[in-house]
PDB file of N, CA and C in Angstrom:
ATOM      1  N   MET A   1      69.258 129.579  52.179  1.00  0.00           N
ATOM      2  CA  MET A   1      68.253 128.825  52.528  1.00  0.00           C
ATOM      3  C   MET A   1      68.612 127.364  52.421  1.00  0.00           C
ATOM      4  N   LYS A   2      68.146 126.544  53.557  1.00  0.00           N
ATOM      5  CA  LYS A   2      68.260 125.209  53.593  1.00  0.00           C
ATOM      6  C   LYS A   2      66.805 124.670  53.163  1.00  0.00           C
ATOM      7  N   SER A   3      67.241 123.409  52.502  1.00  0.00           N
ATOM      8  CA  SER A   3      66.255 122.398  51.928  1.00  0.00           C
ATOM      9  C   SER A   3      65.626 121.903  52.952  1.00  0.00           C
ATOM     10  N   SER A   4      64.331 121.588  52.914  1.00  0.00           N
ATOM     11  CA  SER A   4      63.742 120.796  53.676  1.00  0.00           C
ATOM     12  C   SER A   4      63.721 119.185  53.070  1.00  0.00           C
ATOM     13  N   ALA A   5      63.950 119.237  52.150  1.00  0.00           N
ATOM     14  CA  ALA A   5      63.409 117.574  51.110  1.00  0.00           C
ATOM     15  C   ALA A   5      64.084 116.537  52.132  1.00  0.00           C
ATOM     16  N   LYS A   6      65.014 116.723  52.812  1.00  0.00           N
ATOM     17  CA  LYS A   6      65.510 115.445  53.378  1.00  0.00           C
ATOM     18  C   LYS A   6      64.354 114.820  54.442  1.00  0.00           C
ATOM     19  N   ASN A   7      63.754 115.644  54.830  1.00  0.00           N
ATOM     20  CA  ASN A   7      62.637 114.983  55.859  1.00  0.00           C
ATOM     21  C   ASN A   7      61.132 114.742  55.130  1.00  0.00           C
ATOM     22  N   VAL A   8      61.600 114.762  53.536  1.00  0.00           N
ATOM     23  CA  VAL A   8      60.158 114.217  52.973  1.00  0.00           C
ATOM     24  C   VAL A   8      60.194 112.572  52.904  1.00  0.00           C
ATOM     25  N   LYS A   9      59.137 111.864  53.119  1.00  0.00           N
ATOM     26  CA  LYS A   9      59.273 110.634  52.935  1.00  0.00           C
ATOM     27  C   LYS A   9      58.210 110.123  51.986  1.00  0.00           C
ATOM     28  N   LEU A  10      58.383 109.549  50.907  1.00  0.00           N
ATOM     29  CA  LEU A  10      57.664 108.955  49.979  1.00  0.00           C
ATOM     30  C   LEU A  10      57.138 107.696  50.032  1.00  0.00           C
ATOM     31  N   ALA A  11      55.883 107.231  49.521  1.00  0.00           N
ATOM     32  CA  ALA A  11      55.110 106.251  49.723  1.00  0.00           C
ATOM     33  C   ALA A  11      55.700 105.060  48.562  1.00  0.00           C
ATOM     34  N   SER A  12      56.236 104.108  49.085  1.00  0.00           N
ATOM     35  CA  SER A  12      56.639 103.129  48.081  1.00  0.00           C
ATOM     36  C   SER A  12      55.575 102.515  46.905  1.00  0.00           C
ATOM     37  N   LEU A  13      55.946 101.806  45.827  1.00  0.00           N
ATOM     38  CA  LEU A  13      55.025 101.359  44.891  1.00  0.00           C
ATOM     39  C   LEU A  13      54.064 100.701  45.503  1.00  0.00           C
ATOM     40  N   ASP A  14      54.436  99.791  46.445  1.00  0.00           N
ATOM     41  CA  ASP A  14      53.708  98.873  47.018  1.00  0.00           C
ATOM     42  C   ASP A  14      52.439  99.388  47.784  1.00  0.00           C
ATOM     43  N   ASP A  15      52.914 100.534  48.371  1.00  0.00           N
ATOM     44  CA  ASP A  15      51.917 101.300  49.161  1.00  0.00           C
ATOM     45  C   ASP A  15      50.881 102.028  48.481  1.00  0.00           C
ATOM     46  N   LEU A  16      51.683 102.335  47.506  1.00  0.00           N
ATOM     47  CA  LEU A  16      50.505 103.001  46.394  1.00  0.00           C
ATOM     48  C   LEU A  16      49.634 102.231  45.688  1.00  0.00           C
ATOM     49  N   PHE A  17      49.998 101.197  45.236  1.00  0.00           N
ATOM     50  CA  PHE A  17      49.159 100.469  44.381  1.00  0.00           C
ATOM     51  C   PHE A  17      48.721  98.916  45.135  1.00  0.00           C
ATOM     52  N   SER A  18      48.441  98.704  46.197  1.00  0.00           N
ATOM     53  CA  SER A  18      47.923  97.830  46.893  1.00  0.00           C
ATOM     54  C   SER A  18      47.060  98.204  48.020  1.00  0.00           C
ATOM     55  N   THR A  19      46.326  97.398  48.578  1.00  0.00           N
ATOM     56  CA  THR A  19      45.616  97.785  49.528  1.00  0.00           C
ATOM     57  C   THR A  19      45.818  97.191  50.773  1.00  0.00           C
ATOM     58  N   GLU A  20      45.180  97.909  51.801  1.00  0.00           N
ATOM     59  CA  GLU A  20      45.598  97.282  53.096  1.00  0.00           C
ATOM     60  C   GLU A  20      45.544  96.363  53.694  1.00  0.00           C
ATOM     61  N   GLU A  21      44.640  95.361  52.626  1.00  0.00           N
ATOM     62  CA  GLU A  21      44.206  93.842  52.950  1.00  0.00           C
ATOM     63  C   GLU A  21      45.079  93.378  52.517  1.00  0.00           C
ATOM     64  N   SER A  22      45.903  93.458  51.012  1.00  0.00           N
ATOM     65  CA  SER A  22      46.455  92.634  50.724  1.00  0.00           C
ATOM     66  C   SER A  22      47.844  92.721  51.212  1.00  0.00           C
ATOM     67  N   ARG A  23      48.019  93.895  51.989  1.00  0.00           N
ATOM     68  CA  ARG A  23      49.228  93.902  52.830  1.00  0.00           C
ATOM     69  C   ARG A  23      49.418  93.016  53.910  1.00  0.00           C
ATOM     70  N   GLN A  24      48.371  93.171  54.539  1.00  0.00           N
ATOM     71  CA  GLN A  24      48.210  92.098  55.698  1.00  0.00           C
ATOM     72  C   GLN A  24      48.110  90.848  55.198  1.00  0.00           C
ATOM     73  N   ASP A  25      47.527  90.455  54.263  1.00  0.00           N
ATOM     74  CA  ASP A  25      47.782  89.149  53.732  1.00  0.00           C
ATOM     75  C   ASP A  25      48.995  88.672  53.198  1.00  0.00           C
ATOM     76  N   ALA A  26      49.899  89.499  53.163  1.00  0.00           N
ATOM     77  CA  ALA A  26      51.178  88.946  52.696  1.00  0.00           C
ATOM     78  C   ALA A  26      51.766  88.723  53.915  1.00  0.00           C
ATOM     79  N   GLU A  27      51.388  89.371  55.043  1.00  0.00           N
ATOM     80  CA  GLU A  27      52.146  89.004  56.440  1.00  0.00           C
ATOM     81  C   GLU A  27      51.745  87.413  56.758  1.00  0.00           C
ATOM     82  N   ARG A  28      50.461  87.131  56.573  1.00  0.00           N
ATOM     83  CA  ARG A  28      49.758  85.950  57.228  1.00  0.00           C
ATOM     84  C   ARG A  28      50.549  84.602  56.856  1.00  0.00           C
ATOM     85  N   GLU A  29      50.455  83.589  57.708  1.00  0.00           N
ATOM     86  CA  GLU A  29      50.884  82.623  57.817  1.00  0.00           C
ATOM     87  C   GLU A  29      50.258  81.802  56.674  1.00  0.00           C
ATOM     88  N   LYS A  30      51.166  81.079  55.638  1.00  0.00           N
ATOM     89  CA  LYS A  30      50.253  80.265  54.480  1.00  0.00           C
ATOM     90  C   LYS A  30      50.693  78.942  54.806  1.00  0.00           C
ATOM     91  N   VAL A  31      49.575  78.197  54.391  1.00  0.00           N
ATOM     92  CA  VAL A  31      50.015  76.822  54.201  1.00  0.00           C
ATOM     93  C   VAL A  31      51.064  76.471  52.657  1.00  0.00           C
ATOM     94  N   VAL A  32      51.907  75.984  53.059  1.00  0.00           N
ATOM     95  CA  VAL A  32      52.758  75.402  51.695  1.00  0.00           C
ATOM     96  C   VAL A  32      52.855  74.095  51.338  1.00  0.00           C
ATOM     97  N   GLU A  33      53.136  73.750  50.337  1.00  0.00           N
ATOM     98  CA  GLU A  33      53.434  72.008  50.049  1.00  0.00           C
ATOM     99  C   GLU A  33      54.811  72.043  49.955  1.00  0.00           C
ATOM    100  N   ILE A  34      55.556  71.290  50.873  1.00  0.00           N
ATOM    101  CA  ILE A  34      56.492  70.906  50.886  1.00  0.00           C
ATOM    102  C   ILE A  34      57.082  69.427  50.344  1.00  0.00           C
ATOM    103  N   ALA A  35      58.296  69.612  49.868  1.00  0.00           N
ATOM    104  CA  ALA A  35      58.669  68.130  49.622  1.00  0.00           C
ATOM    105  C   ALA A  35      59.195  66.942  50.853  1.00  0.00           C
ATOM    106  N   LEU A  36      58.826  66.281  51.064  1.00  0.00           N
ATOM    107  CA  LEU A  36      58.981  65.138  52.022  1.00  0.00           C
ATOM    108  C   LEU A  36      60.595  65.117  52.048  1.00  0.00           C
ATOM    109  N   SER A  37      61.286  65.363  51.289  1.00  0.00           N
ATOM    110  CA  SER A  37      62.624  65.127  51.335  1.00  0.00           C
ATOM    111  C   SER A  37      63.374  66.372  51.855  1.00  0.00           C
ATOM    112  N   GLU A  38      62.456  67.164  51.903  1.00  0.00           N
ATOM    113  CA  GLU A  38      63.160  68.414  52.485  1.00  0.00           C
ATOM    114  C   GLU A  38      62.642  68.787  53.925  1.00  0.00           C
ATOM    115  N   LEU A  39      62.175  67.781  54.266  1.00  0.00           N
ATOM    116  CA  LEU A  39      61.602  67.848  55.816  1.00  0.00           C
ATOM    117  C   LEU A  39      62.494  66.642  56.874  1.00  0.00           C
ATOM    118  N   HIS A  40      63.064  67.527  57.723  1.00  0.00           N
ATOM    119  CA  HIS A  40      64.032  66.531  58.804  1.00  0.00           C
ATOM    120  C   HIS A  40      63.313  67.099  60.036  1.00  0.00           C
ATOM    121  N   PRO A  41      63.733  65.769  60.708  1.00  0.00           N
ATOM    122  CA  PRO A  41      63.043  65.637  62.284  1.00  0.00           C
ATOM    123  C   PRO A  41      64.045  66.421  63.382  1.00  0.00           C
ATOM    124  N   PHE A  42      63.006  66.805  64.321  1.00  0.00           N
ATOM    125  CA  PHE A  42      63.754  67.538  65.204  1.00  0.00           C
ATOM    126  C   PHE A  42      64.629  66.858  65.856  1.00  0.00           C
ATOM    127  N   PRO A  43      65.809  67.662  65.908  1.00  0.00           N
ATOM    128  CA  PRO A  43      66.840  66.869  66.814  1.00  0.00           C
ATOM    129  C   PRO A  43      66.375  66.357  68.394  1.00  0.00           C
ATOM    130  N   ASN A  44      66.555  64.952  68.665  1.00  0.00           N
ATOM    131  CA  ASN A  44      65.767  64.645  69.621  1.00  0.00           C
ATOM    132  C   ASN A  44      64.761  64.827  69.985  1.00  0.00           C
ATOM    133  N   HIS A  45      63.907  64.420  69.069  1.00  0.00           N
ATOM    134  CA  HIS A  45      62.724  64.659  69.240  1.00  0.00           C
ATOM    135  C   HIS A  45      61.840  63.598  70.552  1.00  0.00           C
ATOM    136  N   PRO A  46      61.357  63.864  71.453  1.00  0.00           N
ATOM    137  CA  PRO A  46      61.307  63.100  72.569  1.00  0.00           C
ATOM    138  C   PRO A  46      60.135  62.190  72.023  1.00  0.00           C
ATOM    139  N   PHE A  47      59.137  61.927  71.182  1.00  0.00           N
ATOM    140  CA  PHE A  47      58.392  60.831  70.874  1.00  0.00           C
ATOM    141  C   PHE A  47      58.694  59.980  69.820  1.00  0.00           C
ATOM    142  N   GLN A  48      58.482  58.698  69.950  1.00  0.00           N
ATOM    143  CA  GLN A  48      58.740  57.726  69.072  1.00  0.00           C
ATOM    144  C   GLN A  48      57.592  57.392  68.012  1.00  0.00           C
ATOM    145  N   ILE A  49      57.798  57.444  66.637  1.00  0.00           N
ATOM    146  CA  ILE A  49      57.098  57.161  65.752  1.00  0.00           C
ATOM    147  C   ILE A  49      57.161  55.660  65.368  1.00  0.00           C
ATOM    148  N   ARG A  50      56.073  55.121  65.501  1.00  0.00           N
ATOM    149  CA  ARG A  50      56.066  53.597  65.142  1.00  0.00           C
ATOM    150  C   ARG A  50      55.171  53.561  64.032  1.00  0.00           C
ATOM    151  N   ASP A  51      55.641  52.168  63.500  1.00  0.00           N
ATOM    152  CA  ASP A  51      54.844  51.652  62.314  1.00  0.00           C
ATOM    153  C   ASP A  51      53.888  50.486  62.817  1.00  0.00           C
ATOM    154  N   ASP A  52      52.751  51.266  63.758  1.00  0.00           N
ATOM    155  CA  ASP A  52      51.811  50.512  64.211  1.00  0.00           C
ATOM    156  C   ASP A  52      50.569  50.239  63.459  1.00  0.00           C
ATOM    157  N   ASP A  53      49.448  49.775  64.423  1.00  0.00           N
ATOM    158  CA  ASP A  53      48.419  49.653  63.864  1.00  0.00           C
ATOM    159  C   ASP A  53      47.658  51.180  63.726  1.00  0.00           C
ATOM    160  N   SER A  54      48.087  52.037  65.054  1.00  0.00           N
ATOM    161  CA  SER A  54      47.666  53.654  64.773  1.00  0.00           C
ATOM    162  C   SER A  54      48.202  54.004  63.503  1.00  0.00           C
ATOM    163  N   MET A  55      49.452  53.593  63.284  1.00  0.00           N
ATOM    164  CA  MET A  55      49.890  53.961  62.042  1.00  0.00           C
ATOM    165  C   MET A  55      49.492  53.875  60.882  1.00  0.00           C
ATOM    166  N   LYS A  56      48.898  52.764  60.633  1.00  0.00           N
ATOM    167  CA  LYS A  56      48.407  52.167  59.526  1.00  0.00           C
ATOM    168  C   LYS A  56      46.994  53.036  59.476  1.00  0.00           C
ATOM    169  N   GLU A  57      46.126  53.084  60.687  1.00  0.00           N
ATOM    170  CA  GLU A  57      44.926  53.921  60.539  1.00  0.00           C
ATOM    171  C   GLU A  57      45.462  55.498  59.801  1.00  0.00           C
ATOM    172  N   ALA A  58      46.649  55.923  60.269  1.00  0.00           N
ATOM    173  CA  ALA A  58      46.689  57.379  59.729  1.00  0.00           C
ATOM    174  C   ALA A  58      47.047  57.250  58.418  1.00  0.00           C
ATOM    175  N   VAL A  59      47.847  56.226  58.028  1.00  0.00           N
ATOM    176  CA  VAL A  59      48.265  56.110  56.573  1.00  0.00           C
ATOM    177  C   VAL A  59      47.066  56.058  55.456  1.00  0.00           C
ATOM    178  N   GLU A  60      45.976  55.057  56.081  1.00  0.00           N
ATOM    179  CA  GLU A  60      44.654  54.929  55.468  1.00  0.00           C
ATOM    180  C   GLU A  60      43.912  56.537  55.207  1.00  0.00           C
ATOM    181  N   SER A  61      44.012  57.332  56.563  1.00  0.00           N
ATOM    182  CA  SER A  61      43.165  58.789  56.673  1.00  0.00           C
ATOM    183  C   SER A  61      44.083  59.180  55.651  1.00  0.00           C
ATOM    184  N   VAL A  62      45.032  59.205  55.467  1.00  0.00           N
ATOM    185  CA  VAL A  62      46.020  60.434  54.420  1.00  0.00           C
ATOM    186  C   VAL A  62      45.375  59.730  53.263  1.00  0.00           C
ATOM    187  N   LYS A  63      45.406  58.611  52.799  1.00  0.00           N
ATOM    188  CA  LYS A  63      45.234  57.949  51.183  1.00  0.00           C
ATOM    189  C   LYS A  63      43.541  58.825  51.186  1.00  0.00           C
ATOM    190  N   GLU A  64      42.605  58.463  51.936  1.00  0.00           N
ATOM    191  CA  GLU A  64      41.326  58.888  51.748  1.00  0.00           C
ATOM    192  C   GLU A  64      41.268  60.397  51.940  1.00  0.00           C
ATOM    193  N   TYR A  65      41.606  60.969  52.901  1.00  0.00           N
ATOM    194  CA  TYR A  65      41.413  62.556  53.013  1.00  0.00           C
ATOM    195  C   TYR A  65      42.440  63.482  52.749  1.00  0.00           C
ATOM    196  N   GLY A  66      43.520  62.862  52.793  1.00  0.00           N
ATOM    197  CA  GLY A  66      44.787  63.846  52.724  1.00  0.00           C
ATOM    198  C   GLY A  66      45.124  64.259  54.002  1.00  0.00           C
ATOM    199  N   ILE A  67      46.292  65.183  54.420  1.00  0.00           N
ATOM    200  CA  ILE A  67      46.619  65.800  55.392  1.00  0.00           C
ATOM    201  C   ILE A  67      45.607  66.853  55.774  1.00  0.00           C
ATOM    202  N   LEU A  68      44.870  67.037  57.033  1.00  0.00           N
ATOM    203  CA  LEU A  68      43.739  67.867  57.122  1.00  0.00           C
ATOM    204  C   LEU A  68      44.405  69.098  58.114  1.00  0.00           C
ATOM    205  N   THR A  69      45.656  68.729  59.055  1.00  0.00           N
ATOM    206  CA  THR A  69      46.156  69.705  59.700  1.00  0.00           C
ATOM    207  C   THR A  69      47.424  69.921  59.420  1.00  0.00           C
ATOM    208  N   PRO A  70      47.983  71.068  58.864  1.00  0.00           N
ATOM    209  CA  PRO A  70      49.482  71.149  58.317  1.00  0.00           C
ATOM    210  C   PRO A  70      50.251  70.773  59.460  1.00  0.00           C
ATOM    211  N   ALA A  71      52.022  70.582  59.206  1.00  0.00           N
ATOM    212  CA  ALA A  71      52.685  70.559  59.816  1.00  0.00           C
ATOM    213  C   ALA A  71      53.080  71.825  60.187  1.00  0.00           C
ATOM    214  N   ILE A  72      54.105  72.051  61.296  1.00  0.00           N
ATOM    215  CA  ILE A  72      54.896  73.063  61.574  1.00  0.00           C
ATOM    216  C   ILE A  72      56.220  72.983  61.647  1.00  0.00           C
ATOM    217  N   VAL A  73      56.902  73.781  60.500  1.00  0.00           N
ATOM    218  CA  VAL A  73      58.209  73.508  60.350  1.00  0.00           C
ATOM    219  C   VAL A  73      59.000  74.536  60.744  1.00  0.00           C
ATOM    220  N   ARG A  74      60.297  74.616  60.481  1.00  0.00           N
ATOM    221  CA  ARG A  74      60.917  75.980  60.651  1.00  0.00           C
ATOM    222  C   ARG A  74      62.470  75.884  59.960  1.00  0.00           C
ATOM    223  N   PRO A  75      62.877  76.914  58.846  1.00  0.00           N
ATOM    224  CA  PRO A  75      63.855  76.691  58.143  1.00  0.00           C
ATOM    225  C   PRO A  75      64.922  76.005  58.934  1.00  0.00           C
ATOM    226  N   ARG A  76      65.867  75.404  58.263  1.00  0.00           N
ATOM    227  CA  ARG A  76      67.288  75.093  58.761  1.00  0.00           C
ATOM    228  C   ARG A  76      68.114  75.751  58.183  1.00  0.00           C
ATOM    229  N   GLU A  77      69.209  75.910  59.013  1.00  0.00           N
ATOM    230  CA  GLU A  77      70.528  76.682  58.373  1.00  0.00           C
ATOM    231  C   GLU A  77      70.984  76.064  57.058  1.00  0.00           C
ATOM    232  N   GLU A  78      71.233  74.799  57.429  1.00  0.00           N
ATOM    233  CA  GLU A  78      71.645  74.041  56.014  1.00  0.00           C
ATOM    234  C   GLU A  78      70.880  73.540  54.922  1.00  0.00           C
ATOM    235  N   GLY A  79      69.979  74.020  54.969  1.00  0.00           N
ATOM    236  CA  GLY A  79      68.789  73.704  53.866  1.00  0.00           C
ATOM    237  C   GLY A  79      67.878  72.980  54.486  1.00  0.00           C
ATOM    238  N   GLY A  80      66.582  73.093  53.707  1.00  0.00           N
ATOM    239  CA  GLY A  80      65.392  72.243  54.290  1.00  0.00           C
ATOM    240  C   GLY A  80      64.654  72.768  55.110  1.00  0.00           C
ATOM    241  N   TYR A  81      64.026  71.971  55.789  1.00  0.00           N
ATOM    242  CA  TYR A  81      62.982  72.281  56.978  1.00  0.00           C
ATOM    243  C   TYR A  81      63.384  71.362  58.249  1.00  0.00           C
ATOM    244  N   GLU A  82      63.206  71.929  59.460  1.00  0.00           N
ATOM    245  CA  GLU A  82      62.853  71.265  60.542  1.00  0.00           C
ATOM    246  C   GLU A  82      61.386  71.041  60.985  1.00  0.00           C
ATOM    247  N   ILE A  83      61.114  69.805  61.171  1.00  0.00           N
ATOM    248  CA  ILE A  83      59.765  69.484  61.934  1.00  0.00           C
ATOM    249  C   ILE A  83      59.726  69.984  63.183  1.00  0.00           C
ATOM    250  N   VAL A  84      58.500  70.825  63.290  1.00  0.00           N
ATOM    251  CA  VAL A  84      58.346  70.967  64.800  1.00  0.00           C
ATOM    252  C   VAL A  84      57.036  70.265  65.568  1.00  0.00           C
ATOM    253  N   ALA A  85      55.973  70.113  64.409  1.00  0.00           N
ATOM    254  CA  ALA A  85      54.986  69.494  64.883  1.00  0.00           C
ATOM    255  C   ALA A  85      54.659  68.875  63.509  1.00  0.00           C
ATOM    256  N   GLY A  86      54.397  67.635  63.605  1.00  0.00           N
ATOM    257  CA  GLY A  86      53.976  66.794  62.499  1.00  0.00           C
ATOM    258  C   GLY A  86      54.737  65.676  61.874  1.00  0.00           C
ATOM    259  N   HIS A  87      55.601  65.125  62.765  1.00  0.00           N
ATOM    260  CA  HIS A  87      56.419  63.767  62.659  1.00  0.00           C
ATOM    261  C   HIS A  87      55.625  62.793  62.088  1.00  0.00           C
ATOM    262  N   ARG A  88      54.374  62.387  62.599  1.00  0.00           N
ATOM    263  CA  ARG A  88      53.901  61.277  62.390  1.00  0.00           C
ATOM    264  C   ARG A  88      52.944  61.382  61.275  1.00  0.00           C
ATOM    265  N   ARG A  89      52.636  62.598  60.991  1.00  0.00           N
ATOM    266  CA  ARG A  89      52.109  62.991  59.419  1.00  0.00           C
ATOM    267  C   ARG A  89      52.880  62.753  58.445  1.00  0.00           C
ATOM    268  N   LYS A  90      54.327  62.823  58.911  1.00  0.00           N
ATOM    269  CA  LYS A  90      55.247  63.011  57.494  1.00  0.00           C
ATOM    270  C   LYS A  90      55.451  61.583  57.326  1.00  0.00           C
ATOM    271  N   ARG A  91      55.655  60.790  58.538  1.00  0.00           N
ATOM    272  CA  ARG A  91      55.744  59.242  58.464  1.00  0.00           C
ATOM    273  C   ARG A  91      54.310  58.741  57.149  1.00  0.00           C
ATOM    274  N   ALA A  92      53.357  59.010  57.876  1.00  0.00           N
ATOM    275  CA  ALA A  92      51.925  58.580  57.059  1.00  0.00           C
ATOM    276  C   ALA A  92      51.881  58.888  55.554  1.00  0.00           C
ATOM    277  N   CYS A  93      52.454  60.143  55.457  1.00  0.00           N
ATOM    278  CA  CYS A  93      52.736  60.661  54.015  1.00  0.00           C
ATOM    279  C   CYS A  93      53.596  59.694  53.103  1.00  0.00           C
ATOM    280  N   GLU A  94      54.923  59.304  53.617  1.00  0.00           N
ATOM    281  CA  GLU A  94      55.680  58.552  53.213  1.00  0.00           C
ATOM    282  C   GLU A  94      55.009  57.131  53.047  1.00  0.00           C
ATOM    283  N   LEU A  95      54.392  56.535  53.900  1.00  0.00           N
ATOM    284  CA  LEU A  95      53.971  55.432  53.800  1.00  0.00           C
ATOM    285  C   LEU A  95      52.806  55.262  52.850  1.00  0.00           C
ATOM    286  N   ALA A  96      52.285  56.455  52.713  1.00  0.00           N
ATOM    287  CA  ALA A  96      51.015  56.317  51.764  1.00  0.00           C
ATOM    288  C   ALA A  96      51.600  56.703  50.469  1.00  0.00           C
ATOM    289  N   GLY A  97      52.615  57.207  49.968  1.00  0.00           N
ATOM    290  CA  GLY A  97      53.390  57.351  48.955  1.00  0.00           C
ATOM    291  C   GLY A  97      53.141  58.747  48.235  1.00  0.00           C
ATOM    292  N   LEU A  98      53.261  59.647  49.129  1.00  0.00           N
ATOM    293  CA  LEU A  98      53.276  61.228  48.712  1.00  0.00           C
ATOM    294  C   LEU A  98      54.499  61.613  48.672  1.00  0.00           C
ATOM    295  N   GLU A  99      54.753  62.556  48.054  1.00  0.00           N
ATOM    296  CA  GLU A  99      55.673  63.205  47.756  1.00  0.00           C
ATOM    297  C   GLU A  99      55.779  64.315  48.425  1.00  0.00           C
ATOM    298  N   THR A 100      54.865  65.203  48.895  1.00  0.00           N
ATOM    299  CA  THR A 100      55.019  66.653  49.567  1.00  0.00           C
ATOM    300  C   THR A 100      53.779  66.465  50.648  1.00  0.00           C
ATOM    301  N   MET A 101      53.842  67.373  51.370  1.00  0.00           N
ATOM    302  CA  MET A 101      53.104  67.430  52.936  1.00  0.00           C
ATOM    303  C   MET A 101      52.826  69.088  52.757  1.00  0.00           C
ATOM    304  N   PRO A 102      51.509  69.454  53.435  1.00  0.00           N
ATOM    305  CA  PRO A 102      51.257  70.751  53.629  1.00  0.00           C
ATOM    306  C   PRO A 102      51.988  70.998  55.074  1.00  0.00           C
ATOM    307  N   ALA A 103      52.513  72.463  54.979  1.00  0.00           N
ATOM    308  CA  ALA A 103      53.104  72.847  56.195  1.00  0.00           C
ATOM    309  C   ALA A 103      52.949  74.358  56.508  1.00  0.00           C
ATOM    310  N   ILE A 104      53.047  74.719  57.513  1.00  0.00           N
ATOM    311  CA  ILE A 104      53.083  76.106  58.027  1.00  0.00           C
ATOM    312  C   ILE A 104      54.662  76.557  58.302  1.00  0.00           C
ATOM    313  N   VAL A 105      55.140  77.663  57.615  1.00  0.00           N
ATOM    314  CA  VAL A 105      56.830  77.643  58.009  1.00  0.00           C
ATOM    315  C   VAL A 105      57.098  78.688  58.746  1.00  0.00           C
ATOM    316  N   ARG A 106      57.446  78.647  59.890  1.00  0.00           N
ATOM    317  CA  ARG A 106      57.728  79.529  61.074  1.00  0.00           C
ATOM    318  C   ARG A 106      59.007  79.990  61.316  1.00  0.00           C
ATOM    319  N   ASP A 107      59.594  81.217  61.557  1.00  0.00           N
ATOM    320  CA  ASP A 107      60.596  81.570  61.444  1.00  0.00           C
ATOM    321  C   ASP A 107      61.031  81.511  63.430  1.00  0.00           C
ATOM    322  N   ILE A 108      61.181  80.656  63.692  1.00  0.00           N
ATOM    323  CA  ILE A 108      61.267  80.538  65.207  1.00  0.00           C
ATOM    324  C   ILE A 108      62.377  80.316  65.641  1.00  0.00           C
ATOM    325  N   ASP A 109      63.134  80.241  66.900  1.00  0.00           N
ATOM    326  CA  ASP A 109      64.444  79.916  67.553  1.00  0.00           C
ATOM    327  C   ASP A 109      63.938  78.489  68.288  1.00  0.00           C
ATOM    328  N   ARG A 110      65.040  77.734  68.365  1.00  0.00           N
ATOM    329  CA  ARG A 110      64.935  76.297  69.295  1.00  0.00           C
ATOM    330  C   ARG A 110      64.147  76.255  70.148  1.00  0.00           C
ATOM    331  N   ASP A 111      64.087  77.359  70.895  1.00  0.00           N
ATOM    332  CA  ASP A 111      63.401  77.392  72.546  1.00  0.00           C
ATOM    333  C   ASP A 111      62.006  77.461  72.175  1.00  0.00           C
ATOM    334  N   MET A 112      61.761  78.150  71.193  1.00  0.00           N
ATOM    335  CA  MET A 112      60.003  78.217  71.053  1.00  0.00           C
ATOM    336  C   MET A 112      59.861  77.048  70.028  1.00  0.00           C
ATOM    337  N   ALA A 113      60.382  76.379  69.232  1.00  0.00           N
ATOM    338  CA  ALA A 113      60.216  75.258  68.749  1.00  0.00           C
ATOM    339  C   ALA A 113      59.937  74.335  69.632  1.00  0.00           C
ATOM    340  N   THR A 114      60.800  74.306  70.705  1.00  0.00           N
ATOM    341  CA  THR A 114      60.756  72.994  71.889  1.00  0.00           C
ATOM    342  C   THR A 114      59.243  73.039  72.468  1.00  0.00           C
ATOM    343  N   ILE A 115      59.413  74.107  72.895  1.00  0.00           N
ATOM    344  CA  ILE A 115      57.590  74.582  73.646  1.00  0.00           C
ATOM    345  C   ILE A 115      56.777  73.908  72.626  1.00  0.00           C
ATOM    346  N   ILE A 116      56.745  74.716  71.541  1.00  0.00           N
ATOM    347  CA  ILE A 116      55.473  74.040  70.536  1.00  0.00           C
ATOM    348  C   ILE A 116      55.381  72.401  70.480  1.00  0.00           C
ATOM    349  N   MET A 117      56.778  72.014  70.306  1.00  0.00           N
ATOM    350  CA  MET A 117      56.669  70.583  69.953  1.00  0.00           C
ATOM    351  C   MET A 117      56.308  69.818  71.363  1.00  0.00           C
ATOM    352  N   VAL A 118      56.223  70.031  72.115  1.00  0.00           N
ATOM    353  CA  VAL A 118      55.830  69.375  73.407  1.00  0.00           C
ATOM    354  C   VAL A 118      54.413  69.958  73.900  1.00  0.00           C
ATOM    355  N   LEU A 119      53.841  70.878  73.377  1.00  0.00           N
ATOM    356  CA  LEU A 119      52.532  70.948  73.902  1.00  0.00           C
ATOM    357  C   LEU A 119      51.464  70.306  72.826  1.00  0.00           C
TER     358      LEU A 119
END
């Protein structure tokens, strides 16, 4: 008589001892604080970052309120993160004397990053 045990699928410990809500929460994007030294510009970024009056206003806002909208970054093969959206915010953080910046890390390819960057 053949055994049908190879067709049995057992639940993982995570499935047994976690809720559906906690499993869904684990898959949601999260805002994380990333060191400015780990954030690198998107190669050939089309927009100029200038230290003008508008940047001075951004720096004052960062000093008073912090960063209200996190940057969007993607992991780099050589380490650190590539900024997809948030180049000006990073510069404002540098000028405000901050060491970290809130960001959402997305695992996206270069084409998708380019689309997000120009939108």
